[in-house]
Amino acid sequence: MAAIAAIGLLDTARAVPSAAAAVPELEWTSCPAVHGVPSSVRCAAVEVPLDHAQPNGPTIELLVSRVPARDPAQRRGVLMGNPGGPGGDGIAMFSQLHPPAEVRDQWDLVAVQPRGLVSGTPLKCAPLTGAESEILTAAGKLNRERCARRTPGLGATLTTENTARDIEVVRRRLGETKISLYGVSYGTLLFATYATLFPQRVDRMVLDSGFDPGVVWNSLLDVQTPGYKARVHAMMAWIARHDHVYHLGTTPLAVYRKWSNHVSAEAGVPPSLVAPPAQVGDVPPGLRAIAEQYIAGTDLTADARARFENFVATLLTPGSVQANSGLLVLTRAFAPDRNFWPVIAMLTAGAPGEFAKPSPAVLEAATVSQDMQAAVLCNENQVPADPSMSLSAFITGYVTADPFEAPGLVYRSGMACAGAPPVARPIRIRDRGLAVRPLQIQSVGDPQTPYRGSLVMQRRMGSHLITVGGGDHAQLGRGNRPLDAAIAGYLRTGRTAVTRVPEAPITASLTRFPPSLTVGATAW
């Protein structure tokens, strides 16, 4: 599912040592293949305390990735990144999310693999057998125990504060007086925590797609639910506007019906996701005289009808649940990123294509990431459970397997962390004398980090806010030229006057699956 004294604004090139002074501190070598990074990314291991309250106690090892500035003569320092999560792979941060050229020229791009992940002393957990009696009543306790059996002592240390303190250890090992930060999604909370703890060590800071720290963690997934549904409707509207390419219908509802039929064929039951609002084009020709009444009736019953039809079909066809549809699962996963919308359109239209199968190492890393995220969310959860949501959580999570409703309800009800009370209280983030005002970037329709909640982080950190059109989640590397120029200018000067930019263009092919997803790039 990221400290008091203020110092004067200094030229970054003078505020940090040269790259040559930092490199001997660490032994840089090639990165493990599981991260899929190019040879230009180099990695080094750093030992950090297992418990930062006992700096001379047991240690764990974290991998750090680094891409040196392309123009050493213009080098301004270290820009440290985190891609989010909790559970995002830090090693691949800057090879997957490409910074603007000016940033790439002037900054060493560094990322610390968060503790608990592969290459960060992984949290390894005993596998679930499916026969555990506590899965419904004490899932949090069950997860803690199965992880403690394989990696005793590690799980309780997986907190945002500890990861922030790990970053401080790495800063010292790099020999940098100050570092700049670029956090995406959860990375905004992580770096805001670091900046609260160590403000004198922060130069520039970019918070890309922040969120309300007050929803940590039981409420975050719940507040995402409406945005995800709206985002899928926006996706279907986009597909309808491209009917000349995909031939799935000229209205969002027409596209939804084709999509729903495809999901039903894969899963054996229809999806419970509500259909988009009807338009005049959806009214049968014989009913055009009462179009308004037809549309009103269709929209009024859409949500209840979808839920009811899915629920009845699930009960009548044992073993069939909507989450068995790969198209449905990918629709939710790809909704925040318009560059993946063509994939959903092509799959719905029946385009041929064989998806690449992940290697065993990649599958293991994904499992570790999932377990690590679950541990962090329960370890520092500060939102009380709402038992009144338990029945809804049970139905959506364990009966109908609704990928849109279940995540939020399972956490909000308290089922996800049942039996696993928090072990730490998150740091209350705030600007404690930062020398440079943070930059925050938010898109208005982002389902993962809703805009309204992000304003809470913006107020606490005193950030300068750039509002981005559309709803893509995470703005780094999207080829948004006005935004890229603002980011580069901020990192160079510590300020920007830009407050609003349009959404980035779609850069993906509309008729070809991304090579990263397929065995061969199948054209359609």
Protein backbone atom coordinates (compact mmCIF):
# COMPACT_ATOMS: atom_id res chain seq x y z
CA MET A 1 0.00 0.00 0.00
CA ALA A 2 7.44 9.41 3.53
CA ALA A 3 16.28 19.32 13.71
CA ILE A 4 15.85 22.84 14.74
CA ALA A 5 18.40 25.38 13.52
CA ALA A 6 17.73 27.05 10.18
CA ILE A 7 20.77 28.03 8.12
CA GLY A 8 21.04 30.65 5.42
CA LEU A 9 20.29 29.87 1.79
CA LEU A 10 23.57 28.84 0.20
CA ASP A 11 24.55 28.05 -3.33
CA THR A 12 24.11 24.27 -3.52
CA ALA A 13 27.41 23.70 -5.25
CA ARG A 14 29.19 25.26 -2.27
CA ALA A 15 26.97 23.64 0.36
CA VAL A 16 28.05 20.09 -0.46
CA PRO A 17 31.40 18.41 -1.02
CA SER A 18 32.42 17.30 -4.49
CA ALA A 19 31.40 13.90 -5.83
CA ALA A 20 34.97 12.73 -5.64
CA ALA A 21 35.01 13.23 -1.88
CA ALA A 22 31.90 11.10 -1.42
CA VAL A 23 32.66 8.14 -3.66
CA PRO A 24 35.53 6.55 -1.64
CA GLU A 25 33.22 6.19 1.34
CA LEU A 26 31.23 3.47 -0.40
CA GLU A 27 32.11 0.63 -2.77
CA TRP A 28 30.01 1.13 -5.91
CA THR A 29 29.34 -1.90 -8.07
CA SER A 30 26.65 -3.30 -10.36
CA CYS A 31 23.11 -3.63 -8.96
CA PRO A 32 21.31 -6.98 -8.57
CA ALA A 33 19.48 -8.05 -11.73
CA VAL A 34 16.12 -8.27 -9.93
CA HIS A 35 15.86 -4.45 -10.01
CA GLY A 36 16.09 -4.31 -13.79
CA VAL A 37 18.24 -1.16 -13.88
CA PRO A 38 20.75 -0.24 -16.62
CA SER A 39 24.49 -0.48 -16.06
CA SER A 40 24.70 3.28 -15.51
CA VAL A 41 23.02 2.74 -12.13
CA ARG A 42 25.57 1.66 -9.53
CA CYS A 43 24.88 0.21 -6.10
CA ALA A 44 26.62 0.09 -2.74
CA ALA A 45 25.76 -1.54 0.58
CA VAL A 46 25.35 0.45 3.78
CA GLU A 47 24.91 -0.92 7.29
CA VAL A 48 22.37 0.80 9.54
CA PRO A 49 21.24 0.00 13.08
CA LEU A 50 18.36 -2.42 13.35
CA ASP A 51 17.13 -0.19 16.18
CA HIS A 52 18.21 3.45 15.90
CA ALA A 53 17.73 3.80 19.67
CA GLN A 54 20.64 1.35 19.98
CA PRO A 55 23.19 2.65 17.46
CA ASN A 56 25.82 0.15 18.65
CA GLY A 57 23.44 -2.81 18.54
CA PRO A 58 22.68 -5.25 15.70
CA THR A 59 22.73 -3.89 12.16
CA ILE A 60 20.99 -4.58 8.87
CA GLU A 61 22.21 -3.92 5.34
CA LEU A 62 20.56 -1.63 2.79
CA LEU A 63 21.49 -1.14 -0.83
CA VAL A 64 21.91 2.39 -2.19
CA SER A 65 21.71 3.20 -5.91
CA ARG A 66 23.49 6.11 -7.57
CA VAL A 67 23.59 7.69 -11.01
CA PRO A 68 26.32 10.38 -11.14
CA ALA A 69 25.55 13.80 -12.58
CA ARG A 70 26.17 13.77 -16.33
CA ASP A 71 28.04 17.09 -16.20
CA PRO A 72 30.46 17.05 -13.23
CA ALA A 73 31.35 20.69 -13.85
CA GLN A 74 27.74 21.70 -13.12
CA ARG A 75 27.16 19.26 -10.27
CA ARG A 76 25.00 20.76 -7.51
CA GLY A 77 24.84 17.82 -5.08
CA VAL A 78 22.75 14.75 -4.32
CA LEU A 79 19.07 14.43 -5.18
CA MET A 80 17.70 11.52 -3.19
CA GLY A 81 14.49 9.86 -4.36
CA ASN A 82 11.81 7.51 -3.11
CA PRO A 83 9.10 6.14 -5.45
CA GLY A 84 6.40 5.54 -2.83
CA GLY A 85 4.56 2.54 -1.50
CA PRO A 86 5.33 1.71 1.23
CA GLY A 87 7.08 -1.00 -0.71
CA GLY A 88 8.26 0.78 -3.86
CA ASP A 89 11.64 -0.31 -5.21
CA GLY A 90 14.06 2.53 -4.50
CA ILE A 91 16.90 1.08 -6.55
CA ALA A 92 14.95 1.55 -9.80
CA MET A 93 13.58 4.99 -8.87
CA PHE A 94 15.44 7.17 -11.34
CA SER A 95 15.67 4.60 -14.13
CA GLN A 96 11.87 4.21 -14.21
CA LEU A 97 10.93 7.85 -13.52
CA HIS A 98 13.22 9.94 -15.68
CA PRO A 99 14.03 13.44 -14.34
CA PRO A 100 14.30 16.47 -16.64
CA ALA A 101 17.55 16.68 -18.59
CA GLU A 102 18.83 19.65 -16.56
CA VAL A 103 18.31 17.71 -13.33
CA ARG A 104 20.03 14.68 -14.79
CA ASP A 105 23.00 16.85 -15.75
CA GLN A 106 23.44 18.60 -12.41
CA TRP A 107 22.56 16.12 -9.67
CA ASP A 108 23.79 12.77 -8.47
CA LEU A 109 20.58 10.73 -8.37
CA VAL A 110 20.59 8.54 -5.27
CA ALA A 111 17.98 6.23 -3.74
CA VAL A 112 18.08 4.18 -0.54
CA GLN A 113 16.27 0.85 -0.66
CA PRO A 114 13.79 0.95 2.24
CA ARG A 115 14.35 -1.58 4.98
CA GLY A 116 12.21 -4.68 4.64
CA LEU A 117 12.51 -4.96 0.84
CA VAL A 118 14.71 -7.14 -1.33
CA SER A 119 18.20 -5.57 -1.20
CA GLY A 120 17.12 -3.82 1.99
CA THR A 121 17.25 -6.80 4.39
CA PRO A 122 13.97 -8.33 3.19
CA LEU A 123 11.07 -9.14 5.47
CA LYS A 124 10.51 -12.82 4.80
CA CYS A 125 7.30 -14.39 6.00
CA ALA A 126 6.06 -17.96 6.24
CA PRO A 127 3.57 -18.55 3.42
CA LEU A 128 -0.15 -18.71 4.06
CA THR A 129 -1.66 -22.14 3.62
CA GLY A 130 -5.28 -21.02 3.28
CA ALA A 131 -6.32 -23.00 6.35
CA GLU A 132 -5.46 -20.37 8.96
CA SER A 133 -8.43 -19.87 11.29
CA GLU A 134 -7.33 -16.31 12.19
CA ILE A 135 -7.49 -14.92 8.65
CA LEU A 136 -10.86 -13.24 9.32
CA THR A 137 -10.57 -12.40 13.01
CA ALA A 138 -6.88 -11.59 13.58
CA ALA A 139 -5.22 -11.02 10.21
CA GLY A 140 -2.72 -8.49 11.58
CA LYS A 141 -1.61 -10.86 14.35
CA LEU A 142 -1.33 -13.71 11.86
CA ASN A 143 0.87 -11.67 9.53
CA ARG A 144 3.15 -10.51 12.35
CA GLU A 145 3.63 -14.03 13.60
CA ARG A 146 4.35 -15.60 10.24
CA CYS A 147 6.94 -12.89 9.48
CA ALA A 148 8.51 -13.14 12.94
CA ARG A 149 9.10 -16.86 12.35
CA ARG A 150 11.20 -16.20 9.26
CA THR A 151 12.83 -12.84 10.12
CA PRO A 152 12.61 -12.32 13.88
CA GLY A 153 13.04 -8.77 15.13
CA LEU A 154 12.82 -7.04 11.75
CA GLY A 155 9.07 -6.55 11.34
CA ALA A 156 8.63 -4.26 14.35
CA THR A 157 11.29 -1.88 12.99
CA LEU A 158 9.48 -1.24 9.71
CA THR A 159 8.29 2.32 10.24
CA THR A 160 8.55 5.58 8.35
CA GLU A 161 10.68 7.11 11.09
CA ASN A 162 13.22 4.29 10.99
CA THR A 163 13.46 4.52 7.21
CA ALA A 164 14.00 8.27 7.51
CA ARG A 165 16.79 7.67 10.03
CA ASP A 166 18.32 5.13 7.63
CA ILE A 167 18.50 7.92 5.05
CA GLU A 168 20.39 10.08 7.52
CA VAL A 169 22.95 7.30 7.99
CA VAL A 170 23.39 7.12 4.22
CA ARG A 171 23.80 10.90 3.99
CA ARG A 172 26.67 10.72 6.44
CA ARG A 173 28.27 7.83 4.54
CA LEU A 174 28.02 9.84 1.32
CA GLY A 175 29.89 12.69 3.00
CA GLU A 176 27.19 15.21 2.06
CA THR A 177 26.51 18.18 4.33
CA LYS A 178 23.01 18.53 2.85
CA ILE A 179 20.86 16.52 0.46
CA SER A 180 17.92 17.40 -1.74
CA LEU A 181 14.89 15.15 -1.82
CA TYR A 182 12.31 14.03 -4.39
CA GLY A 183 9.52 11.92 -2.89
CA VAL A 184 6.61 10.41 -4.81
CA SER A 185 3.35 9.40 -3.09
CA TYR A 186 4.35 7.67 0.19
CA GLY A 187 7.80 9.09 -0.49
CA THR A 188 6.35 12.51 0.32
CA LEU A 189 5.53 11.35 3.86
CA LEU A 190 8.92 9.67 4.20
CA PHE A 191 10.86 12.76 3.14
CA ALA A 192 8.62 15.14 5.09
CA THR A 193 9.43 12.97 8.12
CA TYR A 194 13.16 13.20 7.34
CA ALA A 195 12.86 16.98 6.95
CA THR A 196 11.05 17.25 10.27
CA LEU A 197 13.77 15.24 12.03
CA PHE A 198 16.78 16.72 10.22
CA PRO A 199 15.81 20.11 8.73
CA GLN A 200 19.38 21.36 8.78
CA ARG A 201 20.35 18.53 6.41
CA VAL A 202 17.75 19.37 3.73
CA ASP A 203 18.49 21.60 0.76
CA ARG A 204 15.64 21.41 -1.78
CA MET A 205 12.62 19.14 -1.37
CA VAL A 206 9.98 18.13 -3.92
CA LEU A 207 6.80 16.45 -2.67
CA ASP A 208 5.19 14.81 -5.71
CA SER A 209 1.62 13.60 -5.02
CA GLY A 210 1.35 14.09 -1.28
CA PHE A 211 -1.53 13.10 0.98
CA ASP A 212 -3.13 13.87 4.31
CA PRO A 213 -0.88 12.44 7.07
CA GLY A 214 -3.97 12.20 9.27
CA VAL A 215 -5.29 9.20 7.31
CA VAL A 216 -2.30 7.01 8.22
CA TRP A 217 -3.23 4.27 7.70
CA ASN A 218 -6.72 2.80 8.17
CA SER A 219 -8.39 5.62 6.27
CA LEU A 220 -6.07 6.13 3.29
CA LEU A 221 -7.29 3.22 1.19
CA ASP A 222 -10.88 4.13 2.02
CA VAL A 223 -10.56 7.73 0.83
CA GLN A 224 -9.05 6.43 -2.42
CA THR A 225 -12.15 4.41 -3.38
CA PRO A 226 -14.33 7.18 -4.90
CA GLY A 227 -11.38 8.50 -6.88
CA TYR A 228 -10.59 5.11 -8.38
CA LYS A 229 -14.18 4.66 -9.55
CA ALA A 230 -14.26 8.14 -11.05
CA ARG A 231 -10.91 7.50 -12.71
CA VAL A 232 -12.18 4.32 -14.40
CA HIS A 233 -15.16 6.27 -15.70
CA ALA A 234 -12.73 8.87 -17.07
CA MET A 235 -10.80 6.04 -18.73
CA MET A 236 -13.96 4.77 -20.40
CA ALA A 237 -14.80 8.27 -21.59
CA TRP A 238 -11.32 8.48 -23.12
CA ILE A 239 -11.79 5.13 -24.85
CA ALA A 240 -15.16 6.31 -26.19
CA ARG A 241 -13.48 9.41 -27.65
CA HIS A 242 -11.13 7.03 -29.44
CA ASP A 243 -13.83 4.82 -30.90
CA HIS A 244 -12.16 5.23 -34.30
CA VAL A 245 -9.25 3.26 -32.85
CA TYR A 246 -10.89 0.69 -30.57
CA HIS A 247 -14.50 0.41 -31.87
CA LEU A 248 -15.92 -0.13 -28.38
CA GLY A 249 -18.64 2.52 -28.50
CA THR A 250 -18.97 6.28 -28.57
CA THR A 251 -20.21 6.74 -24.99
CA PRO A 252 -18.60 5.74 -21.66
CA LEU A 253 -21.58 3.46 -20.89
CA ALA A 254 -21.23 1.68 -24.22
CA VAL A 255 -17.54 1.06 -23.47
CA TYR A 256 -18.42 -0.12 -19.96
CA ARG A 257 -20.86 -2.68 -21.33
CA LYS A 258 -18.21 -4.15 -23.64
CA TRP A 259 -15.72 -4.11 -20.79
CA SER A 260 -18.21 -5.73 -18.38
CA ASN A 261 -18.96 -8.49 -20.88
CA HIS A 262 -15.25 -9.21 -21.16
CA VAL A 263 -14.82 -9.28 -17.36
CA SER A 264 -17.84 -11.61 -17.05
CA ALA A 265 -16.40 -13.99 -19.61
CA GLU A 266 -13.08 -14.17 -17.73
CA ALA A 267 -14.45 -14.37 -14.19
CA GLY A 268 -17.77 -16.15 -14.63
CA VAL A 269 -19.56 -13.31 -12.82
CA PRO A 270 -20.19 -9.65 -13.75
CA PRO A 271 -18.23 -6.84 -12.08
CA SER A 272 -19.78 -4.89 -9.22
CA LEU A 273 -18.25 -1.59 -10.37
CA VAL A 274 -20.97 0.97 -11.06
CA ALA A 275 -21.44 1.93 -14.71
CA PRO A 276 -20.69 5.47 -15.93
CA PRO A 277 -23.65 7.85 -16.26
CA ALA A 278 -25.79 7.30 -19.35
CA GLN A 279 -25.86 9.80 -22.22
CA VAL A 280 -28.35 10.49 -24.96
CA GLY A 281 -26.42 8.18 -27.25
CA ASP A 282 -27.21 5.29 -24.88
CA VAL A 283 -30.97 5.71 -25.18
CA PRO A 284 -32.61 3.14 -27.52
CA PRO A 285 -34.07 4.85 -30.62
CA GLY A 286 -37.63 3.96 -29.67
CA LEU A 287 -37.29 5.70 -26.31
CA ARG A 288 -35.72 8.98 -27.43
CA ALA A 289 -38.98 10.81 -26.64
CA ILE A 290 -38.46 10.01 -22.95
CA ALA A 291 -34.67 10.23 -23.01
CA GLU A 292 -34.39 12.23 -19.80
CA GLN A 293 -36.50 9.74 -17.86
CA TYR A 294 -34.57 6.81 -19.35
CA ILE A 295 -31.21 8.34 -18.41
CA ALA A 296 -32.40 9.23 -14.90
CA GLY A 297 -33.70 5.73 -14.28
CA THR A 298 -30.58 4.08 -15.66
CA ASP A 299 -28.27 6.19 -13.50
CA LEU A 300 -30.41 5.91 -10.38
CA THR A 301 -30.32 2.11 -10.33
CA ALA A 302 -26.82 1.56 -11.80
CA ASP A 303 -24.89 1.08 -8.54
CA ALA A 304 -27.45 -1.13 -6.80
CA ARG A 305 -28.00 -3.18 -9.95
CA ALA A 306 -24.27 -3.85 -10.48
CA ARG A 307 -23.75 -4.89 -6.85
CA PHE A 308 -26.87 -7.06 -6.75
CA GLU A 309 -26.15 -8.84 -10.03
CA ASN A 310 -22.57 -9.54 -8.98
CA PHE A 311 -23.60 -10.76 -5.51
CA VAL A 312 -26.28 -13.13 -6.81
CA ALA A 313 -24.04 -14.48 -9.57
CA THR A 314 -21.22 -15.06 -7.07
CA LEU A 315 -23.50 -17.03 -4.76
CA LEU A 316 -24.90 -19.10 -7.64
CA THR A 317 -21.52 -19.95 -9.20
CA PRO A 318 -19.22 -21.20 -6.43
CA GLY A 319 -15.55 -20.60 -7.15
CA SER A 320 -16.24 -17.69 -9.50
CA VAL A 321 -15.36 -14.22 -8.27
CA GLN A 322 -14.80 -11.02 -10.22
CA ALA A 323 -11.17 -10.74 -9.11
CA ASN A 324 -10.42 -13.79 -11.27
CA SER A 325 -10.64 -11.43 -14.24
CA GLY A 326 -7.24 -10.16 -15.23
CA LEU A 327 -8.88 -7.31 -17.11
CA LEU A 328 -10.71 -6.13 -13.98
CA VAL A 329 -7.59 -6.26 -11.82
CA LEU A 330 -5.52 -4.43 -14.44
CA THR A 331 -8.24 -1.81 -14.88
CA ARG A 332 -7.90 -0.76 -11.27
CA ALA A 333 -4.11 -1.01 -11.30
CA PHE A 334 -3.75 1.05 -14.49
CA ALA A 335 -6.47 3.63 -13.78
CA PRO A 336 -4.11 6.24 -12.22
CA ASP A 337 -1.82 6.34 -15.29
CA ARG A 338 -3.22 7.36 -18.69
CA ASN A 339 -0.23 5.81 -20.44
CA PHE A 340 -1.74 2.43 -19.56
CA TRP A 341 -5.29 3.23 -20.66
CA PRO A 342 -4.60 1.99 -24.21
CA VAL A 343 -3.73 -1.40 -22.71
CA ILE A 344 -7.20 -1.67 -21.14
CA ALA A 345 -8.81 -0.54 -24.38
CA MET A 346 -6.90 -3.11 -26.45
CA LEU A 347 -7.64 -5.93 -24.01
CA THR A 348 -11.33 -5.05 -23.94
CA ALA A 349 -11.38 -5.06 -27.73
CA GLY A 350 -9.79 -8.51 -27.78
CA ALA A 351 -6.36 -7.55 -29.05
CA PRO A 352 -3.96 -10.50 -29.19
CA GLY A 353 -0.93 -10.37 -26.96
CA GLU A 354 0.99 -12.58 -24.58
CA PHE A 355 2.04 -10.92 -21.36
CA ALA A 356 5.55 -11.68 -20.17
CA LYS A 357 5.78 -13.90 -17.11
CA PRO A 358 7.79 -12.41 -14.23
CA SER A 359 10.88 -14.30 -13.14
CA PRO A 360 10.83 -16.14 -9.78
CA ALA A 361 13.09 -13.42 -8.33
CA VAL A 362 10.69 -10.67 -9.41
CA LEU A 363 7.73 -12.59 -7.98
CA GLU A 364 9.58 -13.01 -4.70
CA ALA A 365 10.38 -9.30 -4.59
CA ALA A 366 6.69 -8.51 -5.15
CA THR A 367 5.67 -10.81 -2.31
CA VAL A 368 8.24 -9.23 0.01
CA SER A 369 6.98 -5.79 -0.97
CA GLN A 370 3.38 -6.74 -0.17
CA ASP A 371 4.31 -8.16 3.22
CA MET A 372 6.51 -5.17 4.03
CA GLN A 373 3.71 -2.75 3.18
CA ALA A 374 1.24 -4.62 5.37
CA ALA A 375 3.73 -4.48 8.25
CA VAL A 376 4.29 -0.72 7.93
CA LEU A 377 0.56 0.04 7.72
CA CYS A 378 -0.20 -1.86 10.93
CA ASN A 379 2.98 -0.84 12.77
CA GLU A 380 2.17 2.87 12.66
CA ASN A 381 -1.59 2.98 12.08
CA GLN A 382 -3.14 5.93 13.96
CA VAL A 383 -6.78 5.73 12.77
CA PRO A 384 -9.17 3.79 15.05
CA ALA A 385 -11.02 0.87 13.52
CA ASP A 386 -14.67 1.24 12.57
CA PRO A 387 -16.31 -2.11 13.43
CA SER A 388 -19.59 -0.99 11.84
CA MET A 389 -17.89 -1.58 8.49
CA SER A 390 -17.02 -5.20 9.27
CA LEU A 391 -19.94 -6.79 7.42
CA SER A 392 -19.30 -4.72 4.29
CA ALA A 393 -15.59 -5.52 4.55
CA PHE A 394 -16.33 -9.24 4.83
CA ILE A 395 -18.67 -9.24 1.83
CA THR A 396 -16.46 -7.18 -0.47
CA GLY A 397 -13.23 -8.79 0.68
CA TYR A 398 -14.13 -12.45 1.11
CA VAL A 399 -17.38 -13.01 -0.80
CA THR A 400 -17.50 -10.79 -3.89
CA ALA A 401 -13.74 -9.99 -4.03
CA ASP A 402 -14.32 -6.40 -5.11
CA PRO A 403 -10.91 -4.85 -5.93
CA PHE A 404 -12.35 -1.33 -5.72
CA GLU A 405 -14.27 -1.48 -2.42
CA ALA A 406 -12.47 -4.20 -0.46
CA PRO A 407 -9.07 -2.57 0.24
CA GLY A 408 -10.59 0.50 1.89
CA LEU A 409 -13.26 -1.38 3.84
CA VAL A 410 -10.91 -4.10 5.11
CA TYR A 411 -8.59 -1.47 6.59
CA ARG A 412 -11.28 0.97 7.73
CA SER A 413 -13.14 -1.80 9.57
CA GLY A 414 -9.95 -2.83 11.37
CA MET A 415 -9.88 -6.33 9.86
CA ALA A 416 -6.51 -5.83 8.15
CA CYS A 417 -4.61 -5.04 11.36
CA ALA A 418 -6.75 -6.99 13.83
CA GLY A 419 -4.58 -8.35 16.64
CA ALA A 420 -1.61 -6.18 15.62
CA PRO A 421 -1.75 -2.85 17.47
CA PRO A 422 0.63 -0.09 16.36
CA VAL A 423 4.18 -0.28 17.66
CA ALA A 424 5.13 3.33 16.91
CA ARG A 425 3.57 6.76 16.58
CA PRO A 426 4.48 8.52 13.33
CA ILE A 427 6.42 11.76 13.54
CA ARG A 428 4.10 14.76 13.21
CA ILE A 429 5.48 16.36 10.10
CA ARG A 430 5.99 20.12 9.86
CA ASP A 431 8.44 22.71 8.60
CA ARG A 432 10.95 23.10 11.42
CA GLY A 433 13.11 25.79 9.92
CA LEU A 434 13.87 24.51 6.43
CA ALA A 435 16.21 26.84 4.60
CA VAL A 436 14.32 26.43 1.31
CA ARG A 437 10.55 26.24 0.96
CA PRO A 438 9.43 22.79 -0.30
CA LEU A 439 7.79 22.37 -3.69
CA GLN A 440 4.62 20.27 -3.81
CA ILE A 441 3.02 18.90 -7.00
CA GLN A 442 -0.56 17.59 -7.12
CA SER A 443 -2.91 16.56 -9.92
CA VAL A 444 -6.55 17.45 -9.36
CA GLY A 445 -8.06 14.04 -10.14
CA ASP A 446 -5.39 11.74 -8.68
CA PRO A 447 -7.21 8.74 -7.11
CA GLN A 448 -4.26 7.53 -5.03
CA THR A 449 -3.43 10.82 -3.32
CA PRO A 450 -6.64 12.87 -3.47
CA TYR A 451 -6.12 16.58 -4.02
CA ARG A 452 -8.11 17.78 -1.00
CA GLY A 453 -6.15 15.61 1.43
CA SER A 454 -2.86 16.72 -0.09
CA LEU A 455 -3.58 20.28 1.02
CA VAL A 456 -3.12 19.15 4.64
CA MET A 457 0.46 18.17 3.88
CA GLN A 458 0.91 21.40 1.95
CA ARG A 459 -0.14 23.46 4.97
CA ARG A 460 2.02 21.51 7.42
CA MET A 461 5.13 21.75 5.30
CA GLY A 462 4.48 25.28 4.02
CA SER A 463 4.98 24.02 0.46
CA HIS A 464 4.68 26.02 -2.73
CA LEU A 465 1.95 24.17 -4.64
CA ILE A 466 1.82 23.45 -8.36
CA THR A 467 -1.57 22.11 -9.43
CA VAL A 468 -1.50 19.77 -12.43
CA GLY A 469 -4.52 19.14 -14.63
CA GLY A 470 -5.98 15.66 -15.09
CA GLY A 471 -5.59 12.84 -12.63
CA ASP A 472 -2.34 10.99 -13.29
CA HIS A 473 -0.62 9.82 -10.13
CA ALA A 474 3.03 10.91 -9.79
CA GLN A 475 4.31 13.56 -12.18
CA LEU A 476 8.03 12.82 -12.53
CA GLY A 477 9.11 11.55 -15.93
CA ARG A 478 5.86 12.22 -17.81
CA GLY A 479 7.36 14.61 -20.34
CA ASN A 480 5.28 17.53 -19.07
CA ARG A 481 7.48 20.34 -20.36
CA PRO A 482 6.10 23.25 -18.31
CA LEU A 483 6.24 21.16 -15.14
CA ASP A 484 9.69 19.77 -15.90
CA ALA A 485 10.98 23.32 -16.39
CA ALA A 486 9.46 24.35 -13.06
CA ILE A 487 11.02 21.37 -11.26
CA ALA A 488 14.45 22.02 -12.77
CA GLY A 489 14.19 25.72 -11.97
CA TYR A 490 13.20 25.03 -8.39
CA LEU A 491 16.07 22.61 -7.85
CA ARG A 492 18.48 25.11 -9.39
CA THR A 493 17.29 28.26 -7.59
CA GLY A 494 15.15 27.09 -4.67
CA ARG A 495 12.01 28.81 -5.97
CA THR A 496 9.45 28.86 -8.79
CA ALA A 497 6.56 31.16 -9.65
CA VAL A 498 4.60 28.43 -11.46
CA THR A 499 1.32 27.50 -9.75
CA ARG A 500 -0.61 25.60 -12.44
CA VAL A 501 0.25 23.45 -15.46
CA PRO A 502 -1.84 21.26 -17.80
CA GLU A 503 -1.75 17.48 -17.61
CA ALA A 504 1.07 15.67 -19.37
CA PRO A 505 0.55 14.21 -22.85
CA ILE A 506 -0.03 10.49 -23.30
CA THR A 507 3.27 9.18 -24.61
CA ALA A 508 2.36 5.49 -24.96
CA SER A 509 1.35 3.89 -28.23
CA LEU A 510 -2.43 3.65 -28.69
CA THR A 511 -2.19 0.39 -30.64
CA ARG A 512 0.80 -1.50 -29.26
CA PHE A 513 1.28 -3.10 -25.86
CA PRO A 514 4.25 -1.71 -23.89
CA PRO A 515 7.33 -3.90 -24.43
CA SER A 516 7.73 -4.19 -20.65
CA LEU A 517 4.42 -6.09 -20.44
CA THR A 518 4.62 -8.39 -23.43
CA VAL A 519 6.61 -11.16 -25.02
CA GLY A 520 7.41 -9.12 -28.10
CA ALA A 521 5.65 -5.83 -28.78
CA THR A 522 2.43 -7.07 -30.35
CA ALA A 523 0.86 -4.54 -32.72
CA TRP A 524 -2.91 -4.33 -32.97
